[in-house]
C-alpha atoms as a PDB file:
ATOM      1  CA  MET A   1       7.226   0.766 -24.782  1.00  0.00           C
ATOM      2  CA  SER A   2       7.035  -0.163 -21.033  1.00  0.00           C
ATOM      3  CA  ILE A   3       5.391  -2.895 -19.853  1.00  0.00           C
ATOM      4  CA  LEU A   4       3.151  -0.699 -17.587  1.00  0.00           C
ATOM      5  CA  SER A   5       0.573   1.420 -19.592  1.00  0.00           C
ATOM      6  CA  ASN A   6       1.003   5.284 -19.794  1.00  0.00           C
ATOM      7  CA  ARG A   7      -2.824   5.386 -18.057  1.00  0.00           C
ATOM      8  CA  LEU A   8      -0.960   3.289 -15.491  1.00  0.00           C
ATOM      9  CA  ARG A   9       1.977   5.391 -15.244  1.00  0.00           C
ATOM     10  CA  ARG A  10       0.619   8.689 -14.853  1.00  0.00           C
ATOM     11  CA  SER A  11       2.450  10.869 -12.491  1.00  0.00           C
ATOM     12  CA  HIS A  12       0.384  12.828  -9.377  1.00  0.00           C
ATOM     13  CA  PRO A  13       2.257  15.778  -7.857  1.00  0.00           C
ATOM     14  CA  ASP A  14       1.415  15.152  -4.481  1.00  0.00           C
ATOM     15  CA  ALA A  15       2.526  11.632  -4.751  1.00  0.00           C
ATOM     16  CA  GLY A  16       4.467  10.457  -1.534  1.00  0.00           C
ATOM     17  CA  PRO A  17       6.365   7.074  -1.146  1.00  0.00           C
ATOM     18  CA  ILE A  18       3.859   4.250  -0.909  1.00  0.00           C
ATOM     19  CA  VAL A  19       5.134   1.670   2.164  1.00  0.00           C
ATOM     20  CA  ILE A  20       3.734  -1.994   1.689  1.00  0.00           C
ATOM     21  CA  GLU A  21       3.621  -3.618   5.194  1.00  0.00           C
ATOM     22  CA  PRO A  22       1.584  -6.942   6.916  1.00  0.00           C
ATOM     23  CA  MET A  23      -1.820  -6.011   7.677  1.00  0.00           C
ATOM     24  CA  ARG A  24      -3.045  -6.280  11.298  1.00  0.00           C
ATOM     25  CA  ARG A  25      -5.986  -6.056  13.189  1.00  0.00           C
ATOM     26  CA  ARG A  26      -5.322  -2.561  14.340  1.00  0.00           C
ATOM     27  CA  ASP A  27      -5.451  -1.379  10.884  1.00  0.00           C
ATOM     28  CA  LEU A  28      -9.137  -2.410  10.034  1.00  0.00           C
ATOM     29  CA  LYS A  29     -10.616   1.103  11.681  1.00  0.00           C
ATOM     30  CA  ALA A  30      -9.098   2.946   8.466  1.00  0.00           C
ATOM     31  CA  ILE A  31      -9.558  -0.236   5.917  1.00  0.00           C
ATOM     32  CA  MET A  32     -13.296  -0.826   6.254  1.00  0.00           C
ATOM     33  CA  PRO A  33     -14.200   3.186   5.240  1.00  0.00           C
ATOM     34  CA  ILE A  34     -12.098   2.119   2.145  1.00  0.00           C
ATOM     35  CA  GLU A  35     -13.963  -1.450   1.312  1.00  0.00           C
ATOM     36  CA  ASP A  36     -17.363  -0.244   1.952  1.00  0.00           C
ATOM     37  CA  ALA A  37     -16.756   2.684  -0.599  1.00  0.00           C
ATOM     38  CA  ALA A  38     -15.299   0.080  -2.983  1.00  0.00           C
ATOM     39  CA  TYR A  39     -18.029  -2.244  -3.346  1.00  0.00           C
ATOM     40  CA  PRO A  40     -22.077  -2.275  -2.473  1.00  0.00           C
ATOM     41  CA  THR A  41     -21.541  -5.582  -0.318  1.00  0.00           C
ATOM     42  CA  SER A  42     -18.493  -5.476   1.484  1.00  0.00           C
ATOM     43  CA  TRP A  43     -16.796  -7.584   3.646  1.00  0.00           C
ATOM     44  CA  SER A  44     -17.506  -6.877   6.894  1.00  0.00           C
ATOM     45  CA  ARG A  45     -14.855  -6.770   9.948  1.00  0.00           C
ATOM     46  CA  ARG A  46     -15.488  -9.865  11.160  1.00  0.00           C
ATOM     47  CA  ILE A  47     -14.627 -11.309   7.750  1.00  0.00           C
ATOM     48  CA  PHE A  48     -11.019  -9.763   7.784  1.00  0.00           C
ATOM     49  CA  GLU A  49     -10.058 -10.600  11.377  1.00  0.00           C
ATOM     50  CA  THR A  50     -11.619 -14.450  10.159  1.00  0.00           C
ATOM     51  CA  GLU A  51      -8.745 -14.280   7.340  1.00  0.00           C
ATOM     52  CA  LEU A  52      -5.935 -12.630   9.692  1.00  0.00           C
ATOM     53  CA  ASP A  53      -6.342 -15.110  12.072  1.00  0.00           C
ATOM     54  CA  GLN A  54      -4.986 -17.303   9.702  1.00  0.00           C
ATOM     55  CA  VAL A  55      -2.383 -16.220   8.769  1.00  0.00           C
ATOM     56  CA  GLY A  56      -0.301 -17.667  11.042  1.00  0.00           C
ATOM     57  CA  ASN A  57      -0.930 -20.994   9.583  1.00  0.00           C
ATOM     58  CA  GLY A  58       0.235 -20.020   6.104  1.00  0.00           C
ATOM     59  CA  SER A  59      -2.678 -20.228   4.605  1.00  0.00           C
ATOM     60  CA  ARG A  60      -3.582 -15.944   3.954  1.00  0.00           C
ATOM     61  CA  TYR A  61      -1.331 -13.361   3.510  1.00  0.00           C
ATOM     62  CA  TYR A  62      -2.478  -9.871   3.572  1.00  0.00           C
ATOM     63  CA  LEU A  63      -0.971  -6.416   3.154  1.00  0.00           C
ATOM     64  CA  VAL A  64      -1.602  -2.535   3.295  1.00  0.00           C
ATOM     65  CA  ALA A  65      -0.241   0.443   1.400  1.00  0.00           C
ATOM     66  CA  ARG A  66       0.576   3.379   3.371  1.00  0.00           C
ATOM     67  CA  ASP A  67       1.223   7.179   2.328  1.00  0.00           C
ATOM     68  CA  GLY A  68       2.838   8.740   5.055  1.00  0.00           C
ATOM     69  CA  ARG A  69       0.502   7.370   8.517  1.00  0.00           C
ATOM     70  CA  ASP A  70      -2.304   6.875   6.417  1.00  0.00           C
ATOM     71  CA  ILE A  71      -4.050   3.282   4.754  1.00  0.00           C
ATOM     72  CA  VAL A  72      -4.624   3.933   0.948  1.00  0.00           C
ATOM     73  CA  GLY A  73      -4.599   0.408  -0.010  1.00  0.00           C
ATOM     74  CA  TYR A  74      -4.592  -3.268   1.007  1.00  0.00           C
ATOM     75  CA  ALA A  75      -4.813  -6.729  -0.970  1.00  0.00           C
ATOM     76  CA  GLY A  76      -4.734 -10.098   0.254  1.00  0.00           C
ATOM     77  CA  LEU A  77      -3.948 -13.794  -1.160  1.00  0.00           C
ATOM     78  CA  TRP A  78      -4.791 -17.264  -0.117  1.00  0.00           C
ATOM     79  CA  HIS A  79      -2.324 -19.652  -0.440  1.00  0.00           C
ATOM     80  CA  VAL A  80      -4.021 -23.311  -1.750  1.00  0.00           C
ATOM     81  CA  ILE A  81      -2.259 -26.582  -1.775  1.00  0.00           C
ATOM     82  CA  ASP A  82      -2.147 -28.608  -4.890  1.00  0.00           C
ATOM     83  CA  PRO A  83      -0.385 -32.154  -5.719  1.00  0.00           C
ATOM     84  CA  ASP A  84       0.140 -30.236  -9.368  1.00  0.00           C
ATOM     85  CA  GLY A  85       1.537 -27.480  -8.184  1.00  0.00           C
ATOM     86  CA  ASP A  86       0.488 -24.936  -5.509  1.00  0.00           C
ATOM     87  CA  GLN A  87      -1.878 -21.757  -6.697  1.00  0.00           C
ATOM     88  CA  ALA A  88      -2.344 -18.794  -4.950  1.00  0.00           C
ATOM     89  CA  HIS A  89      -5.814 -16.994  -5.178  1.00  0.00           C
ATOM     90  CA  ILE A  90      -5.620 -12.937  -5.082  1.00  0.00           C
ATOM     91  CA  THR A  91      -8.752 -12.273  -2.650  1.00  0.00           C
ATOM     92  CA  ASN A  92      -9.005  -8.505  -2.746  1.00  0.00           C
ATOM     93  CA  ILE A  93      -7.004  -5.739  -3.994  1.00  0.00           C
ATOM     94  CA  VAL A  94      -8.412  -2.466  -3.415  1.00  0.00           C
ATOM     95  CA  VAL A  95      -7.426   1.022  -3.507  1.00  0.00           C
ATOM     96  CA  ASP A  96      -8.910   4.178  -2.016  1.00  0.00           C
ATOM     97  CA  GLU A  97     -10.398   6.264  -4.603  1.00  0.00           C
ATOM     98  CA  ALA A  98      -8.122   9.412  -3.864  1.00  0.00           C
ATOM     99  CA  HIS A  99      -4.800   7.259  -4.762  1.00  0.00           C
ATOM    100  CA  ARG A 100      -5.525   5.970  -7.421  1.00  0.00           C
ATOM    101  CA  ARG A 101      -3.082   5.335 -10.585  1.00  0.00           C
ATOM    102  CA  ARG A 102      -0.174   6.302  -8.619  1.00  0.00           C
ATOM    103  CA  GLY A 103       1.354   2.909  -8.818  1.00  0.00           C
ATOM    104  CA  VAL A 104      -0.541   1.678  -5.205  1.00  0.00           C
ATOM    105  CA  ALA A 105      -1.891  -1.364  -6.500  1.00  0.00           C
ATOM    106  CA  SER A 106       0.898  -2.233  -8.647  1.00  0.00           C
ATOM    107  CA  ARG A 107       3.304  -2.016  -5.474  1.00  0.00           C
ATOM    108  CA  LEU A 108       0.518  -4.291  -3.765  1.00  0.00           C
ATOM    109  CA  MET A 109       0.606  -6.539  -6.481  1.00  0.00           C
ATOM    110  CA  LEU A 110       4.477  -7.098  -6.591  1.00  0.00           C
ATOM    111  CA  ASP A 111       4.453  -8.016  -3.016  1.00  0.00           C
ATOM    112  CA  LEU A 112       1.951 -10.647  -3.529  1.00  0.00           C
ATOM    113  CA  ALA A 113       3.340 -12.065  -6.571  1.00  0.00           C
ATOM    114  CA  ARG A 114       6.690 -12.043  -4.932  1.00  0.00           C
ATOM    115  CA  THR A 115       5.127 -13.984  -1.728  1.00  0.00           C
ATOM    116  CA  ALA A 116       3.590 -16.410  -4.032  1.00  0.00           C
ATOM    117  CA  ARG A 117       6.504 -17.371  -5.615  1.00  0.00           C
ATOM    118  CA  SER A 118       8.098 -17.527  -2.543  1.00  0.00           C
ATOM    119  CA  ARG A 119       5.668 -19.874  -1.221  1.00  0.00           C
ATOM    120  CA  GLY A 120       6.073 -22.075  -4.398  1.00  0.00           C
ATOM    121  CA  CYS A 121       3.170 -21.329  -5.857  1.00  0.00           C
ATOM    122  CA  VAL A 122       3.210 -22.158  -9.786  1.00  0.00           C
ATOM    123  CA  ALA A 123       0.296 -20.243 -10.882  1.00  0.00           C
ATOM    124  CA  TRP A 124      -2.153 -17.809  -9.440  1.00  0.00           C
ATOM    125  CA  THR A 125      -5.811 -16.625 -10.031  1.00  0.00           C
ATOM    126  CA  LEU A 126      -8.610 -13.768  -9.719  1.00  0.00           C
ATOM    127  CA  GLU A 127     -12.041 -12.630  -9.971  1.00  0.00           C
ATOM    128  CA  VAL A 128     -12.288  -9.341 -11.371  1.00  0.00           C
ATOM    129  CA  ARG A 129     -15.676  -7.179 -12.631  1.00  0.00           C
ATOM    130  CA  ALA A 130     -16.464  -7.377 -16.065  1.00  0.00           C
ATOM    131  CA  GLY A 131     -16.913  -3.563 -16.186  1.00  0.00           C
ATOM    132  CA  SER A 132     -13.746  -3.064 -13.949  1.00  0.00           C
ATOM    133  CA  THR A 133     -11.396  -2.165 -17.244  1.00  0.00           C
ATOM    134  CA  GLY A 134      -8.867  -0.498 -15.146  1.00  0.00           C
ATOM    135  CA  ALA A 135      -8.311  -3.618 -13.187  1.00  0.00           C
ATOM    136  CA  GLN A 136      -8.299  -5.841 -16.068  1.00  0.00           C
ATOM    137  CA  GLU A 137      -5.686  -3.970 -17.457  1.00  0.00           C
ATOM    138  CA  LEU A 138      -3.475  -4.212 -14.560  1.00  0.00           C
ATOM    139  CA  TYR A 139      -3.915  -7.634 -13.918  1.00  0.00           C
ATOM    140  CA  ARG A 140      -2.762  -8.338 -17.801  1.00  0.00           C
ATOM    141  CA  VAL A 141       0.526  -6.121 -16.872  1.00  0.00           C
ATOM    142  CA  PHE A 142       0.832  -9.185 -14.176  1.00  0.00           C
ATOM    143  CA  GLY A 143       0.608 -11.592 -16.970  1.00  0.00           C
ATOM    144  CA  PHE A 144      -3.199 -12.944 -16.192  1.00  0.00           C
ATOM    145  CA  ALA A 145      -5.510 -13.464 -19.307  1.00  0.00           C
ATOM    146  CA  PRO A 146      -9.138 -14.355 -18.866  1.00  0.00           C
ATOM    147  CA  ALA A 147      -9.950 -17.718 -18.517  1.00  0.00           C
ATOM    148  CA  GLY A 148     -13.899 -17.988 -18.142  1.00  0.00           C
ATOM    149  CA  ILE A 149     -16.942 -15.854 -16.768  1.00  0.00           C
ATOM    150  CA  ARG A 150     -18.728 -16.273 -13.393  1.00  0.00           C
ATOM    151  CA  ARG A 151     -22.207 -15.046 -14.275  1.00  0.00           C
ATOM    152  CA  ARG A 152     -23.528 -12.355 -11.564  1.00  0.00           C
ATOM    153  CA  TYR A 153     -20.717 -13.236  -9.398  1.00  0.00           C
ATOM    154  CA  TYR A 154     -21.145  -9.900  -7.803  1.00  0.00           C
ATOM    155  CA  ASP A 155     -23.811  -8.532  -5.788  1.00  0.00           C
ATOM    156  CA  ASN A 156     -25.896 -11.348  -8.127  1.00  0.00           C
ATOM    157  CA  VAL A 157     -25.711  -8.677 -10.494  1.00  0.00           C
ATOM    158  CA  GLU A 158     -22.355  -8.030 -12.241  1.00  0.00           C
ATOM    159  CA  ASP A 159     -20.365 -10.460 -14.343  1.00  0.00           C
ATOM    160  CA  ALA A 160     -16.958 -11.367 -12.716  1.00  0.00           C
ATOM    161  CA  ILE A 161     -13.312 -12.340 -15.156  1.00  0.00           C
ATOM    162  CA  VAL A 162     -11.772 -15.040 -14.019  1.00  0.00           C
ATOM    163  CA  MET A 163      -8.397 -14.660 -14.634  1.00  0.00           C
ATOM    164  CA  TRP A 164      -5.262 -16.751 -14.162  1.00  0.00           C
ATOM    165  CA  CYS A 165      -1.758 -16.346 -14.925  1.00  0.00           C
ATOM    166  CA  HIS A 166       0.096 -19.907 -15.150  1.00  0.00           C
ATOM    167  CA  ASP A 167       3.742 -18.993 -15.302  1.00  0.00           C
ATOM    168  CA  LEU A 168       3.915 -17.578 -11.905  1.00  0.00           C
ATOM    169  CA  ALA A 169       7.099 -20.136 -11.201  1.00  0.00           C
ATOM    170  CA  THR A 170       9.489 -19.158 -14.319  1.00  0.00           C
ATOM    171  CA  ASP A 171      12.140 -17.395 -14.790  1.00  0.00           C
ATOM    172  CA  GLU A 172      10.944 -15.112 -17.411  1.00  0.00           C
ATOM    173  CA  TYR A 173       8.092 -14.125 -14.292  1.00  0.00           C
ATOM    174  CA  ALA A 174      10.773 -13.197 -12.537  1.00  0.00           C
ATOM    175  CA  ALA A 175      11.836 -10.894 -15.028  1.00  0.00           C
ATOM    176  CA  ARG A 176       8.783  -9.016 -15.503  1.00  0.00           C
ATOM    177  CA  LEU A 177       8.408  -8.618 -11.935  1.00  0.00           C
ATOM    178  CA  ASP A 178      11.934  -7.090 -12.140  1.00  0.00           C
ATOM    179  CA  THR A 179      11.120  -4.710 -15.181  1.00  0.00           C
ATOM    180  CA  ILE A 180       7.694  -3.570 -13.548  1.00  0.00           C
ATOM    181  CA  GLU A 181       9.397  -2.876 -10.180  1.00  0.00           C
ATOM    182  CA  ARG A 182      11.881  -0.764 -11.676  1.00  0.00           C
ATOM    183  CA  GLU A 183       9.658   1.139 -13.995  1.00  0.00           C
ATOM    184  CA  LEU A 184       7.395   2.372 -11.099  1.00  0.00           C
ATOM    185  CA  GLN A 185      10.998   3.437  -9.353  1.00  0.00           C
ATOM    186  CA  GLU A 186      11.529   5.440 -12.470  1.00  0.00           C
ATOM    187  CA  ASP A 187       8.323   6.780 -12.664  1.00  0.00           C
ATOM    188  CA  GLY A 188       8.931   7.934  -8.475  1.00  0.00           C
ATOM    189  CA  ARG A 189       6.823   5.595  -7.187  1.00  0.00           C
END
């Protein structure tokens, strides 16, 4: 059985090659409508600008996913220095609704994981909506496991599940990433 579930591997006949590249300020015009559609209380353009301002010092990392010239998703990562081993925190990973279930989030996650590993992170974490079972499934593919609950985290209404992956720096985790990437390629993504 593959590491990616059948639900995550469903192919779309109109799927084009997805290109992952660094987020730039000029991308925010295309990102904001995706952000606004994904969250009742979305990040403002100013928050994204502030995050992008910190990319140069190495504490932040932001990506976009393109299908041709269109931005169809984006993701971000914080690098947290810790004396017990640096960590990464996924700030966001969002895919335009029309492009979901095409491997876009998996491609973004692969890049985030490899970047966190290259920066010496030994673990990484994220929060996910308790009701977002599809996202939780994706994160489990990447080795995340539930570690706690943040009550009413989203809009003071919905709980967040805190998930951690503690084996980010291992050879086994590198092999997991290689397997995920190979399966995406075999599926034409």
